[in-house]
């Protein structure tokens, strides 16, 4: 499945299709699948996979479920940012985390501020777009992440 199809599947994670727990499970699993399709090339031109910290993934699921149930997205930007910053590459037994520029983080957080007072179904499309833009701007070991 290409990135466009993955994004469409993620944007379909709306509350009309099930409970918040089902939605969040599908949402985060599809996000992980999408962003783990990205990779970096090291100085030897080797393709290195990007993976996620499963503890941060679980933390994100719990927090997002709470936000959906309470219709309170005040901290969604910080929650998603922690989750996105948990992606990394393992190269020669060393863990290299993804990094985002301060400017791109600020743009992402400003986009998320607009979600306060809205319902999940009203924000999911814009949230995915903002997440994708931020993740695509990421670097690992000063190497730009490449779309899978």
Protein backbone atom coordinates (compact mmCIF):
# COMPACT_ATOMS: atom_id res chain seq x y z
CA UNK A 1 0.00 0.00 0.00
CA UNK A 2 1.40 3.41 -0.93
CA UNK A 3 1.46 6.48 1.27
CA UNK A 4 -1.67 8.00 -0.31
CA UNK A 5 -3.72 4.86 0.41
CA UNK A 6 -2.32 4.70 3.95
CA UNK A 7 -3.31 8.32 4.58
CA UNK A 8 -6.83 7.69 3.26
CA UNK A 9 -7.16 4.71 5.64
CA UNK A 10 -5.99 6.80 8.58
CA UNK A 11 -8.37 9.65 7.75
CA UNK A 12 -11.21 7.10 7.76
CA UNK A 13 -10.63 6.48 11.50
CA UNK A 14 -13.72 8.37 12.61
CA UNK A 15 -16.03 7.81 15.53
CA UNK A 16 -18.95 6.91 13.26
CA UNK A 17 -17.06 3.67 12.60
CA UNK A 18 -16.72 2.52 16.21
CA UNK A 19 -15.70 3.26 19.76
CA UNK A 20 -12.80 5.52 20.63
CA UNK A 21 -10.66 2.49 21.56
CA UNK A 22 -11.20 0.85 18.16
CA UNK A 23 -10.56 4.15 16.38
CA UNK A 24 -7.35 4.85 18.29
CA UNK A 25 -6.04 1.32 17.79
CA UNK A 26 -6.56 1.58 14.02
CA UNK A 27 -5.31 5.16 13.91
CA UNK A 28 -2.03 4.54 15.73
CA UNK A 29 -1.35 1.20 14.02
CA UNK A 30 -1.86 2.79 10.60
CA UNK A 31 0.32 5.78 11.55
CA UNK A 32 3.07 3.42 12.69
CA UNK A 33 2.79 1.41 9.47
CA UNK A 34 2.94 4.60 7.39
CA UNK A 35 5.92 6.15 9.14
CA UNK A 36 7.85 2.87 9.36
CA UNK A 37 7.69 2.79 5.55
CA UNK A 38 10.07 5.78 5.64
CA UNK A 39 13.82 5.18 5.81
CA UNK A 40 17.18 6.92 5.72
CA UNK A 41 20.28 6.21 3.69
CA UNK A 42 23.55 6.32 5.58
CA UNK A 43 26.95 7.45 4.32
CA UNK A 44 27.47 4.04 2.69
CA UNK A 45 24.16 4.44 0.83
CA UNK A 46 22.59 1.64 2.89
CA UNK A 47 18.84 1.83 3.42
CA UNK A 48 18.00 1.92 7.17
CA UNK A 49 14.51 1.24 8.47
CA UNK A 50 12.71 3.54 10.88
CA UNK A 51 10.95 1.93 13.84
CA UNK A 52 8.88 3.17 16.78
CA UNK A 53 9.27 2.99 20.54
CA UNK A 54 6.33 0.75 21.51
CA UNK A 55 6.10 2.26 25.00
CA UNK A 56 5.55 5.74 23.53
CA UNK A 57 3.06 4.25 21.07
CA UNK A 58 1.04 2.77 23.93
CA UNK A 59 1.22 6.05 25.86
CA UNK A 60 -0.08 7.89 22.78
CA UNK A 61 -2.99 5.42 22.37
CA UNK A 62 -4.05 5.88 26.00
CA UNK A 63 -3.85 9.67 25.84
CA UNK A 64 -5.65 9.94 22.49
CA UNK A 65 -8.43 7.65 23.71
CA UNK A 66 -8.89 9.88 26.74
CA UNK A 67 -8.95 13.00 24.53
CA UNK A 68 -11.56 11.54 22.17
CA UNK A 69 -13.77 10.34 25.01
CA UNK A 70 -13.59 13.75 26.71
CA UNK A 71 -13.59 15.82 23.50
CA UNK A 72 -10.63 17.74 24.87
CA UNK A 73 -7.72 18.15 22.46
CA UNK A 74 -5.86 20.79 24.47
CA UNK A 75 -2.68 18.66 24.64
CA UNK A 76 -2.93 16.77 21.36
CA UNK A 77 0.05 18.60 19.85
CA UNK A 78 2.39 17.65 22.70
CA UNK A 79 1.05 14.08 22.79
CA UNK A 80 1.53 13.52 19.06
CA UNK A 81 4.93 15.25 19.08
CA UNK A 82 6.23 12.88 21.81
CA UNK A 83 4.94 9.97 19.76
CA UNK A 84 6.58 11.16 16.52
CA UNK A 85 9.85 11.86 18.32
CA UNK A 86 9.92 8.23 19.45
CA UNK A 87 10.70 6.94 15.94
CA UNK A 88 14.32 5.93 15.42
CA UNK A 89 16.86 3.88 13.45
CA UNK A 90 19.19 1.23 14.81
CA UNK A 91 22.54 1.37 13.07
CA UNK A 92 25.49 -0.72 14.25
CA UNK A 93 23.80 -1.25 17.63
CA UNK A 94 23.31 2.49 18.15
CA UNK A 95 19.89 4.12 18.42
CA UNK A 96 19.47 7.34 16.44
CA UNK A 97 16.25 9.24 17.08
CA UNK A 98 14.35 11.36 14.60
CA UNK A 99 14.77 15.10 14.99
CA UNK A 100 12.59 17.95 13.79
CA UNK A 101 13.58 21.58 13.46
CA UNK A 102 12.19 24.02 16.01
CA UNK A 103 10.47 25.88 13.18
CA UNK A 104 8.66 22.74 11.96
CA UNK A 105 7.68 21.77 15.51
CA UNK A 106 6.24 25.26 16.06
CA UNK A 107 4.23 25.02 12.81
CA UNK A 108 2.87 21.62 13.89
CA UNK A 109 1.95 22.82 17.39
CA UNK A 110 0.21 25.92 16.01
CA UNK A 111 -1.85 23.69 13.70
CA UNK A 112 -2.83 21.53 16.69
CA UNK A 113 -3.93 24.56 18.73
CA UNK A 114 -6.81 24.98 16.27
CA UNK A 115 -8.24 21.61 17.39
CA UNK A 116 -9.34 22.85 20.82
CA UNK A 117 -13.10 22.63 21.23
CA UNK A 118 -13.62 20.42 18.17
CA UNK A 119 -14.62 16.75 17.84
CA UNK A 120 -12.25 14.00 16.68
CA UNK A 121 -14.06 13.61 13.36
CA UNK A 122 -13.53 17.33 12.70
CA UNK A 123 -9.77 17.25 13.33
CA UNK A 124 -8.49 13.89 12.10
CA UNK A 125 -7.93 14.96 8.46
CA UNK A 126 -5.98 18.10 9.38
CA UNK A 127 -4.12 16.25 12.14
CA UNK A 128 -2.91 13.58 9.71
CA UNK A 129 -1.80 16.21 7.21
CA UNK A 130 0.13 18.12 9.90
CA UNK A 131 1.72 14.90 11.21
CA UNK A 132 2.77 13.86 7.70
CA UNK A 133 4.33 17.24 6.95
CA UNK A 134 6.23 17.23 10.25
CA UNK A 135 7.43 13.63 9.93
CA UNK A 136 8.52 14.21 6.31
CA UNK A 137 10.71 17.09 7.51
CA UNK A 138 12.52 14.87 10.02
CA UNK A 139 16.17 13.95 10.04
CA UNK A 140 18.08 11.07 11.58
CA UNK A 141 21.86 11.45 11.84
CA UNK A 142 21.48 14.59 9.66
CA UNK A 143 19.96 12.41 6.92
CA UNK A 144 16.53 13.41 5.64
CA UNK A 145 13.88 10.74 6.09
CA UNK A 146 12.81 9.37 2.72
CA UNK A 147 9.33 8.24 1.82
CA UNK A 148 8.95 4.49 1.42
